[in-house]
């Protein structure tokens, strides 16, 4: 593999990790906001529960993807 290709892969992985980390923070912040300040929510309780479950699923998927890539990087 050429050195340029290896650099592009590392830059792409770094961008992916930063983006996934930002998404996890955003998901958790939105979930916390919906739970901590229910008077400001613009949805009923059922929708808030669905939103919370969806946010938790997204966080779990992001964490699993990051763990997979970190595991794959350690084995190389």
Protein backbone atom coordinates (compact mmCIF):
# COMPACT_ATOMS: atom_id res chain seq x y z
CA UNK A 1 0.00 0.00 0.00
CA UNK A 2 1.31 3.42 -0.83
CA UNK A 3 2.08 5.97 1.82
CA UNK A 4 -0.49 8.45 0.44
CA UNK A 5 -3.24 5.82 0.57
CA UNK A 6 -2.34 4.98 4.20
CA UNK A 7 -2.47 8.69 5.12
CA UNK A 8 -5.89 9.04 3.47
CA UNK A 9 -7.18 6.03 5.42
CA UNK A 10 -5.93 7.48 8.71
CA UNK A 11 -7.45 10.89 7.98
CA UNK A 12 -10.76 9.26 7.03
CA UNK A 13 -10.81 7.21 10.23
CA UNK A 14 -10.00 10.27 12.32
CA UNK A 15 -12.87 12.19 10.71
CA UNK A 16 -15.18 9.22 11.28
CA UNK A 17 -14.25 8.97 14.98
CA UNK A 18 -14.72 12.71 15.52
CA UNK A 19 -18.08 12.66 13.72
CA UNK A 20 -19.28 9.61 15.65
CA UNK A 21 -18.19 11.17 18.93
CA UNK A 22 -20.05 14.35 18.08
CA UNK A 23 -23.17 12.35 17.24
CA UNK A 24 -23.01 10.48 20.53
CA UNK A 25 -22.72 13.76 22.44
CA UNK A 26 -25.60 15.28 20.48
CA UNK A 27 -27.84 12.24 20.98
CA UNK A 28 -27.16 12.12 24.71
CA UNK A 29 -27.60 15.87 25.11
CA UNK A 30 -30.94 15.80 23.31
CA UNK A 31 -32.12 12.86 25.36
CA UNK A 32 -31.05 14.53 28.59
CA UNK A 33 -32.78 17.77 27.58
CA UNK A 34 -36.03 15.94 26.85
CA UNK A 35 -35.91 14.19 30.23
CA UNK A 36 -34.65 17.08 32.36
CA UNK A 37 -36.96 19.79 31.02
CA UNK A 38 -40.29 18.16 30.22
CA UNK A 39 -42.08 21.52 30.28
CA UNK A 40 -40.23 22.54 27.10
CA UNK A 41 -40.92 19.42 25.12
CA UNK A 42 -43.18 19.83 22.13
CA UNK A 43 -44.32 16.21 22.00
CA UNK A 44 -46.52 14.04 24.15
CA UNK A 45 -45.16 11.38 26.51
CA UNK A 46 -45.40 8.54 23.99
CA UNK A 47 -43.43 10.49 21.39
CA UNK A 48 -40.84 11.46 24.01
CA UNK A 49 -40.35 7.79 24.92
CA UNK A 50 -39.98 6.85 21.25
CA UNK A 51 -37.49 9.68 20.76
CA UNK A 52 -35.49 8.54 23.79
CA UNK A 53 -35.41 4.94 22.60
CA UNK A 54 -34.37 6.02 19.11
CA UNK A 55 -31.59 8.21 20.52
CA UNK A 56 -30.35 5.33 22.68
CA UNK A 57 -30.32 3.00 19.68
CA UNK A 58 -28.28 5.52 17.69
CA UNK A 59 -25.80 5.90 20.55
CA UNK A 60 -25.44 2.13 20.84
CA UNK A 61 -24.90 1.71 17.10
CA UNK A 62 -22.26 4.46 17.09
CA UNK A 63 -20.46 2.89 20.06
CA UNK A 64 -20.52 -0.55 18.40
CA UNK A 65 -19.13 0.85 15.15
CA UNK A 66 -16.36 2.69 16.97
CA UNK A 67 -15.49 -0.42 19.03
CA UNK A 68 -15.33 -2.50 15.84
CA UNK A 69 -12.96 -0.07 14.16
CA UNK A 70 -10.76 0.25 17.22
CA UNK A 71 -10.61 -3.55 17.50
CA UNK A 72 -9.76 -3.83 13.82
CA UNK A 73 -6.99 -1.23 14.20
CA UNK A 74 -5.48 -3.07 17.18
CA UNK A 75 -5.26 -6.35 15.30
CA UNK A 76 -3.27 -4.81 12.41
